[in-house]
């Protein structure tokens, strides 16, 4: 009988609680050249296998092992750097891993790998950074990176313009989605750095992208930028609203909801109201408010549909403050009244519709 078959790409793993410390010891061995690189690759592969177990993650972060990874960021072998970032990505899947990474000294060195020569390494870095923004403290820690992330997104934009006819690969799409999602999380905390980095213009280019995932994240980030007054003004000045209004009829309900959110914030200012009225947005918003299919949808889709209706009702309420908007909405008042009185209606939607009716019918 033959003996057990071992995987040559992985290091032998010790039993029980000894496994994680033993593999980190392997990473610190002092050989040089190909032997050290091979040892590190095998140890990292085995560690990544172990990190699918939450107990192993807890052991890794509480045992003080994370700081030992910093030296691997500078390894001459791109596969070692890539696998190290993959290990951090697995660790960051859990809250304790994200908190440990934020508390460590790894973040500055990790951020430098955004310019790594390996595209796989850069992708893993973006995955880690994006997961960190699941924590408010993570989004705050990454605020200083916003100009760099915006620059990366701008570089992708320029490549698209140069190679417009080429099919975009799946990995490149993921890069853009991660960049946009991370920027969105940071901008919800503070939009000023993104706005100062020409964010509205760069994001505006992504709103008409052929990928619904990129359109969705770009619209979400644009909504985050449009919360503050400067963001509203830039949205109007950069002629973004025509594209946003078109997205209200997108096939993806989340794209629609994010676009309605941009309009909801932008129509607070007079210029935003006028531009949206000139684009004839009122009938489109009314159509979105009237077409509810909640009974046929799952829980997650109902949640997105509710956001779309809420944003649309709030946008209509703000547009009713303009004489032209009020005139248009008075003609469609029965629709809003039905929404505000329906007993089976969601309570939040009913209240939003009631507010819209009060504003539309208000008289001095």
Protein backbone atom coordinates (compact mmCIF):
# COMPACT_ATOMS: atom_id res chain seq x y z
CA UNK A 1 0.00 0.00 0.00
CA UNK A 2 1.34 3.40 -0.92
CA UNK A 3 1.74 6.17 1.65
CA UNK A 4 -0.40 9.31 1.85
CA UNK A 5 -0.10 11.73 -1.05
CA UNK A 6 1.12 15.20 -0.04
CA UNK A 7 0.62 18.44 -1.96
CA UNK A 8 4.06 19.82 -2.90
CA UNK A 9 2.63 23.35 -3.16
CA UNK A 10 1.79 23.38 0.55
CA UNK A 11 3.81 23.16 3.73
CA UNK A 12 3.12 20.35 6.21
CA UNK A 13 0.69 21.53 8.86
CA UNK A 14 1.15 20.74 12.54
CA UNK A 15 -1.71 19.36 14.59
CA UNK A 16 -4.17 21.55 16.50
CA UNK A 17 -3.13 24.86 18.03
CA UNK A 18 0.43 24.41 16.84
CA UNK A 19 -0.52 24.75 13.14
CA UNK A 20 -0.72 28.56 12.81
CA UNK A 21 2.43 29.39 14.86
CA UNK A 22 4.41 26.73 12.99
CA UNK A 23 3.47 28.16 9.56
CA UNK A 24 4.35 31.70 10.62
CA UNK A 25 7.70 30.35 11.80
CA UNK A 26 8.18 28.94 8.32
CA UNK A 27 7.68 32.43 6.87
CA UNK A 28 10.49 33.80 9.03
CA UNK A 29 13.16 31.30 8.00
CA UNK A 30 16.39 32.96 6.89
CA UNK A 31 17.26 31.02 3.72
CA UNK A 32 18.09 33.02 0.63
CA UNK A 33 17.08 32.85 -2.99
CA UNK A 34 14.83 30.20 -4.46
CA UNK A 35 14.72 28.05 -1.33
CA UNK A 36 13.32 30.88 0.83
CA UNK A 37 10.81 31.83 -1.86
CA UNK A 38 9.62 28.24 -2.14
CA UNK A 39 9.27 27.91 1.63
CA UNK A 40 7.27 31.14 1.86
CA UNK A 41 4.96 30.16 -0.98
CA UNK A 42 4.17 26.80 0.58
CA UNK A 43 3.61 28.28 4.05
CA UNK A 44 1.33 30.99 2.67
CA UNK A 45 -0.71 28.44 0.70
CA UNK A 46 -1.24 26.37 3.85
CA UNK A 47 -2.10 29.47 5.92
CA UNK A 48 -4.70 30.53 3.35
CA UNK A 49 -6.26 27.07 3.59
CA UNK A 50 -6.45 27.38 7.38
CA UNK A 51 -7.92 30.89 7.35
CA UNK A 52 -11.26 29.59 6.09
CA UNK A 53 -11.77 28.48 9.70
CA UNK A 54 -12.84 31.37 12.00
CA UNK A 55 -11.02 29.77 14.93
CA UNK A 56 -7.75 29.90 12.99
CA UNK A 57 -8.39 33.56 12.15
CA UNK A 58 -8.90 34.29 15.85
CA UNK A 59 -5.65 32.50 16.67
CA UNK A 60 -3.74 34.42 13.98
CA UNK A 61 -4.90 37.88 15.04
CA UNK A 62 -4.71 37.34 18.80
CA UNK A 63 -1.33 35.64 18.62
CA UNK A 64 0.40 38.76 17.34
CA UNK A 65 1.33 37.21 14.01
CA UNK A 66 0.04 39.94 11.65
CA UNK A 67 3.05 42.21 12.07
CA UNK A 68 5.26 39.41 10.74
CA UNK A 69 3.63 39.80 7.32
CA UNK A 70 5.08 43.26 6.70
CA UNK A 71 8.41 41.92 5.50
CA UNK A 72 6.59 39.81 2.89
CA UNK A 73 5.22 42.97 1.23
CA UNK A 74 8.78 43.63 0.07
CA UNK A 75 9.52 40.12 -1.17
CA UNK A 76 11.04 40.14 -4.65
CA UNK A 77 8.68 37.38 -5.77
CA UNK A 78 5.29 38.81 -6.88
CA UNK A 79 3.57 35.51 -6.07
CA UNK A 80 4.63 35.89 -2.41
CA UNK A 81 3.32 39.46 -2.27
CA UNK A 82 0.09 38.39 -3.96
CA UNK A 83 -0.46 35.44 -1.62
CA UNK A 84 0.28 37.60 1.43
CA UNK A 85 -2.47 40.01 0.36
CA UNK A 86 -4.79 37.05 -0.26
CA UNK A 87 -4.12 35.92 3.29
CA UNK A 88 -5.09 39.38 4.58
CA UNK A 89 -8.20 39.27 2.43
CA UNK A 90 -9.25 36.02 4.10
CA UNK A 91 -8.51 37.48 7.53
CA UNK A 92 -10.57 40.58 6.74
CA UNK A 93 -13.63 38.44 6.01
CA UNK A 94 -14.33 38.57 9.74
CA UNK A 95 -14.78 41.62 11.93
CA UNK A 96 -12.00 40.59 14.30
CA UNK A 97 -9.61 40.36 11.36
CA UNK A 98 -10.59 43.80 10.08
CA UNK A 99 -10.17 45.34 13.52
CA UNK A 100 -6.78 43.68 13.96
CA UNK A 101 -5.58 44.91 10.59
CA UNK A 102 -6.71 48.46 11.37
CA UNK A 103 -4.93 48.31 14.71
CA UNK A 104 -1.70 47.03 13.17
CA UNK A 105 1.04 48.95 11.39
CA UNK A 106 0.43 47.13 8.10
CA UNK A 107 -1.93 49.58 6.41
CA UNK A 108 0.65 52.10 5.06
CA UNK A 109 2.83 49.32 3.63
CA UNK A 110 -0.22 47.54 2.23
CA UNK A 111 -1.41 50.74 0.53
CA UNK A 112 1.92 51.07 -1.26
CA UNK A 113 1.15 47.80 -3.05
CA UNK A 114 -1.58 49.62 -5.00
CA UNK A 115 1.30 50.37 -7.38
CA UNK A 116 2.67 46.82 -7.39
CA UNK A 117 3.90 45.40 -10.70
CA UNK A 118 1.58 42.39 -10.31
CA UNK A 119 -2.05 42.97 -11.30
CA UNK A 120 -3.12 40.04 -9.07
CA UNK A 121 -1.40 41.65 -6.10
CA UNK A 122 -3.06 45.01 -6.78
CA UNK A 123 -6.44 43.29 -7.02
CA UNK A 124 -5.98 41.54 -3.68
CA UNK A 125 -4.97 44.85 -2.07
CA UNK A 126 -8.18 46.44 -3.32
CA UNK A 127 -10.18 43.51 -1.97
CA UNK A 128 -8.65 43.99 1.48
CA UNK A 129 -9.18 47.77 1.48
CA UNK A 130 -12.78 47.34 0.38
CA UNK A 131 -13.50 44.93 3.21
CA UNK A 132 -11.96 47.33 5.71
CA UNK A 133 -14.58 49.94 4.77
CA UNK A 134 -17.26 47.64 6.17
CA UNK A 135 -16.23 49.20 9.48
CA UNK A 136 -16.70 52.97 9.95
CA UNK A 137 -13.21 53.05 11.42
CA UNK A 138 -11.94 51.42 8.24
CA UNK A 139 -13.55 54.04 6.00
CA UNK A 140 -12.07 56.73 8.20
CA UNK A 141 -8.60 55.15 8.06
CA UNK A 142 -8.74 55.06 4.26
CA UNK A 143 -9.85 58.67 3.77
CA UNK A 144 -6.27 59.76 3.09
CA UNK A 145 -6.16 57.21 0.26
CA UNK A 146 -9.13 58.73 -1.59
CA UNK A 147 -6.99 60.88 -3.96
CA UNK A 148 -4.90 57.81 -4.82
CA UNK A 149 -7.99 55.67 -5.42
CA UNK A 150 -9.49 58.39 -7.59
CA UNK A 151 -6.26 58.55 -9.58
CA UNK A 152 -6.43 54.77 -10.11
CA UNK A 153 -10.00 55.12 -11.35
CA UNK A 154 -8.97 57.93 -13.68
CA UNK A 155 -6.19 55.74 -15.09
CA UNK A 156 -8.71 53.03 -15.88
CA UNK A 157 -10.85 55.65 -17.62
CA UNK A 158 -7.93 56.70 -19.81
CA UNK A 159 -7.16 53.09 -20.72
CA UNK A 160 -10.77 52.57 -21.77
CA UNK A 161 -10.60 55.59 -24.03
CA UNK A 162 -7.40 54.30 -25.65
CA UNK A 163 -8.74 50.76 -26.09
CA UNK A 164 -12.39 51.45 -26.58
CA UNK A 165 -13.00 48.53 -28.94
CA UNK A 166 -11.38 45.88 -26.73
CA UNK A 167 -13.48 43.58 -24.56
CA UNK A 168 -12.94 44.40 -20.88
CA UNK A 169 -11.80 41.44 -18.90
CA UNK A 170 -13.55 40.25 -15.78
CA UNK A 171 -10.63 41.13 -13.54
CA UNK A 172 -10.55 44.72 -14.79
CA UNK A 173 -14.27 45.04 -14.07
CA UNK A 174 -13.72 43.81 -10.52
CA UNK A 175 -10.95 46.38 -10.07
CA UNK A 176 -13.30 49.19 -11.04
CA UNK A 177 -16.13 47.88 -8.87
CA UNK A 178 -13.80 47.65 -5.86
CA UNK A 179 -12.42 51.14 -6.45
CA UNK A 180 -15.90 52.61 -6.78
CA UNK A 181 -17.28 50.73 -3.77
CA UNK A 182 -14.36 51.80 -1.57
CA UNK A 183 -14.67 55.41 -2.72
CA UNK A 184 -18.40 55.29 -2.03
CA UNK A 185 -17.88 54.09 1.56
CA UNK A 186 -15.23 56.74 2.23
CA UNK A 187 -17.26 59.50 0.60
CA UNK A 188 -20.30 58.72 2.71
CA UNK A 189 -18.10 59.56 5.66
CA UNK A 190 -16.55 62.68 4.07
CA UNK A 191 -17.04 63.56 0.37
CA UNK A 192 -14.63 66.51 0.30
CA UNK A 193 -11.47 64.63 -0.70
CA UNK A 194 -13.22 62.91 -3.60
CA UNK A 195 -14.78 66.18 -4.76
CA UNK A 196 -11.38 67.87 -4.63
CA UNK A 197 -9.99 65.05 -6.79
CA UNK A 198 -12.38 65.73 -9.69
CA UNK A 199 -14.62 62.95 -8.43
CA UNK A 200 -17.86 64.07 -10.08
CA UNK A 201 -16.28 64.15 -13.52
CA UNK A 202 -14.52 60.80 -13.14
CA UNK A 203 -17.59 59.07 -11.72
CA UNK A 204 -19.78 60.66 -14.36
CA UNK A 205 -17.81 58.81 -17.01
CA UNK A 206 -18.60 55.50 -15.31
CA UNK A 207 -22.36 56.07 -15.12
CA UNK A 208 -22.82 55.02 -18.75
CA UNK A 209 -20.52 51.99 -18.56
CA UNK A 210 -21.80 48.80 -20.21
CA UNK A 211 -21.38 46.82 -16.97
CA UNK A 212 -24.38 47.12 -14.60
CA UNK A 213 -22.05 46.43 -11.65
CA UNK A 214 -19.92 49.46 -12.52
CA UNK A 215 -22.98 51.64 -13.20
CA UNK A 216 -24.44 50.60 -9.84
CA UNK A 217 -21.31 51.44 -7.84
CA UNK A 218 -20.65 54.65 -9.78
CA UNK A 219 -24.19 55.86 -9.09
CA UNK A 220 -23.82 54.94 -5.39
CA UNK A 221 -20.58 56.91 -5.17
CA UNK A 222 -22.15 59.86 -7.00
CA UNK A 223 -25.01 59.82 -4.52
CA UNK A 224 -22.48 60.01 -1.67
CA UNK A 225 -20.82 63.02 -3.31
CA UNK A 226 -24.14 64.80 -3.91
CA UNK A 227 -25.02 64.94 -0.20
CA UNK A 228 -23.00 68.10 0.49
CA UNK A 229 -23.63 71.49 -1.13
CA UNK A 230 -20.40 71.47 -3.12
CA UNK A 231 -21.28 68.04 -4.49
CA UNK A 232 -24.75 69.20 -5.58
CA UNK A 233 -23.23 72.19 -7.32
CA UNK A 234 -20.62 70.09 -9.13
CA UNK A 235 -23.22 67.57 -10.28
CA UNK A 236 -25.08 70.43 -11.94
CA UNK A 237 -21.97 72.08 -13.38
CA UNK A 238 -20.50 68.86 -14.82
CA UNK A 239 -23.70 68.09 -16.79
CA UNK A 240 -24.07 64.75 -15.02
CA UNK A 241 -27.84 64.93 -14.53
CA UNK A 242 -28.82 63.93 -18.10
CA UNK A 243 -26.95 60.64 -17.64
CA UNK A 244 -28.41 60.15 -14.16
CA UNK A 245 -31.96 60.71 -15.43
CA UNK A 246 -31.39 58.07 -18.10
CA UNK A 247 -30.34 55.63 -15.39
CA UNK A 248 -33.81 55.90 -13.84
CA UNK A 249 -34.90 53.54 -16.62
CA UNK A 250 -32.00 51.11 -16.20
CA UNK A 251 -32.74 47.37 -16.11
CA UNK A 252 -31.06 47.08 -12.70
CA UNK A 253 -33.29 48.29 -9.85
CA UNK A 254 -30.30 49.18 -7.67
CA UNK A 255 -28.88 51.36 -10.43
CA UNK A 256 -32.28 53.05 -10.62
CA UNK A 257 -32.38 53.55 -6.84
CA UNK A 258 -28.90 55.07 -6.71
CA UNK A 259 -29.73 57.38 -9.62
CA UNK A 260 -32.92 58.47 -7.85
CA UNK A 261 -30.79 59.15 -4.76
CA UNK A 262 -28.52 61.48 -6.74
CA UNK A 263 -31.57 63.37 -8.01
CA UNK A 264 -33.11 63.43 -4.52
CA UNK A 265 -30.09 65.27 -3.15
CA UNK A 266 -29.41 67.48 -6.16
CA UNK A 267 -32.94 68.89 -6.49
CA UNK A 268 -32.58 70.46 -3.06
CA UNK A 269 -30.76 73.37 -4.72
CA UNK A 270 -32.48 75.67 -7.24
CA UNK A 271 -30.12 74.82 -10.11
CA UNK A 272 -30.73 71.12 -9.57
CA UNK A 273 -34.49 71.62 -9.57
CA UNK A 274 -34.40 73.58 -12.80
CA UNK A 275 -32.11 71.16 -14.62
CA UNK A 276 -34.23 68.16 -13.62
CA UNK A 277 -37.44 69.91 -14.67
CA UNK A 278 -35.85 70.77 -18.01
CA UNK A 279 -34.99 67.09 -18.39
CA UNK A 280 -38.66 66.22 -17.80
CA UNK A 281 -37.86 63.99 -14.85
CA UNK A 282 -41.24 64.31 -13.10
CA UNK A 283 -43.13 61.79 -15.29
CA UNK A 284 -40.27 59.30 -14.95
CA UNK A 285 -40.25 59.59 -11.16
CA UNK A 286 -44.03 59.29 -11.01
CA UNK A 287 -43.85 56.14 -13.11
CA UNK A 288 -41.32 54.65 -10.68
CA UNK A 289 -43.55 55.53 -7.73
CA UNK A 290 -46.62 53.94 -9.32
CA UNK A 291 -44.99 50.74 -10.57
CA UNK A 292 -44.49 48.61 -7.47
CA UNK A 293 -44.07 44.84 -7.76
CA UNK A 294 -43.19 44.12 -4.16
CA UNK A 295 -45.44 41.06 -3.81
CA UNK A 296 -43.54 39.22 -6.54
CA UNK A 297 -40.05 39.99 -5.23
CA UNK A 298 -37.75 38.45 -2.67
CA UNK A 299 -36.72 40.29 0.49
CA UNK A 300 -33.55 41.83 -0.92
CA UNK A 301 -35.27 43.02 -4.08
CA UNK A 302 -38.12 44.51 -2.04
CA UNK A 303 -35.55 46.43 -0.04
CA UNK A 304 -34.03 47.89 -3.21
CA UNK A 305 -37.47 48.67 -4.64
CA UNK A 306 -38.43 50.44 -1.42
CA UNK A 307 -35.29 52.60 -1.60
CA UNK A 308 -36.13 53.49 -5.21
CA UNK A 309 -39.67 54.55 -4.30
CA UNK A 310 -38.57 56.48 -1.21
CA UNK A 311 -35.88 58.41 -3.12
CA UNK A 312 -38.33 59.13 -5.95
CA UNK A 313 -41.00 60.44 -3.57
CA UNK A 314 -38.49 62.69 -1.80
CA UNK A 315 -37.21 63.98 -5.12
CA UNK A 316 -40.79 64.76 -6.20
CA UNK A 317 -41.39 66.53 -2.88
CA UNK A 318 -38.41 68.80 -3.47
CA UNK A 319 -39.44 69.43 -7.09
CA UNK A 320 -42.90 70.45 -5.85
CA UNK A 321 -41.25 73.48 -4.23
CA UNK A 322 -40.73 74.92 -7.72
CA UNK A 323 -43.82 76.41 -9.42
CA UNK A 324 -43.38 74.35 -12.58
CA UNK A 325 -42.88 71.18 -10.57
CA UNK A 326 -45.94 71.82 -8.43
CA UNK A 327 -48.05 72.48 -11.52
CA UNK A 328 -47.04 69.13 -13.02
CA UNK A 329 -47.60 67.25 -9.78
CA UNK A 330 -51.02 68.77 -9.15
CA UNK A 331 -52.13 67.08 -12.36
CA UNK A 332 -50.98 63.72 -10.98
CA UNK A 333 -52.09 64.28 -7.39
CA UNK A 334 -54.46 61.24 -7.28
CA UNK A 335 -51.47 58.92 -7.76
CA UNK A 336 -49.67 60.40 -4.75
CA UNK A 337 -52.86 60.37 -2.69
CA UNK A 338 -53.34 56.66 -3.39
CA UNK A 339 -49.82 55.99 -2.17
CA UNK A 340 -50.41 58.04 0.97
CA UNK A 341 -53.70 56.34 1.89
CA UNK A 342 -53.18 52.68 0.94
CA UNK A 343 -53.58 50.57 4.08
CA UNK A 344 -51.33 47.83 2.72
CA UNK A 345 -48.58 50.31 1.87
CA UNK A 346 -45.21 50.24 3.63
CA UNK A 347 -45.33 52.70 6.52
CA UNK A 348 -42.23 54.64 5.42
CA UNK A 349 -43.47 54.93 1.85
CA UNK A 350 -46.91 56.04 3.06
CA UNK A 351 -45.37 58.79 5.19
CA UNK A 352 -43.16 59.96 2.33
CA UNK A 353 -46.18 60.09 0.04
CA UNK A 354 -48.15 62.05 2.65
CA UNK A 355 -45.33 64.59 2.85
CA UNK A 356 -45.31 64.90 -0.93
CA UNK A 357 -49.07 65.50 -0.99
CA UNK A 358 -48.79 68.20 1.69
CA UNK A 359 -46.08 70.03 -0.24
CA UNK A 360 -47.88 69.76 -3.59
CA UNK A 361 -51.17 71.04 -2.17
CA UNK A 362 -49.66 73.72 0.06
CA UNK A 363 -51.06 77.20 -0.42
CA UNK A 364 -49.77 80.43 1.17
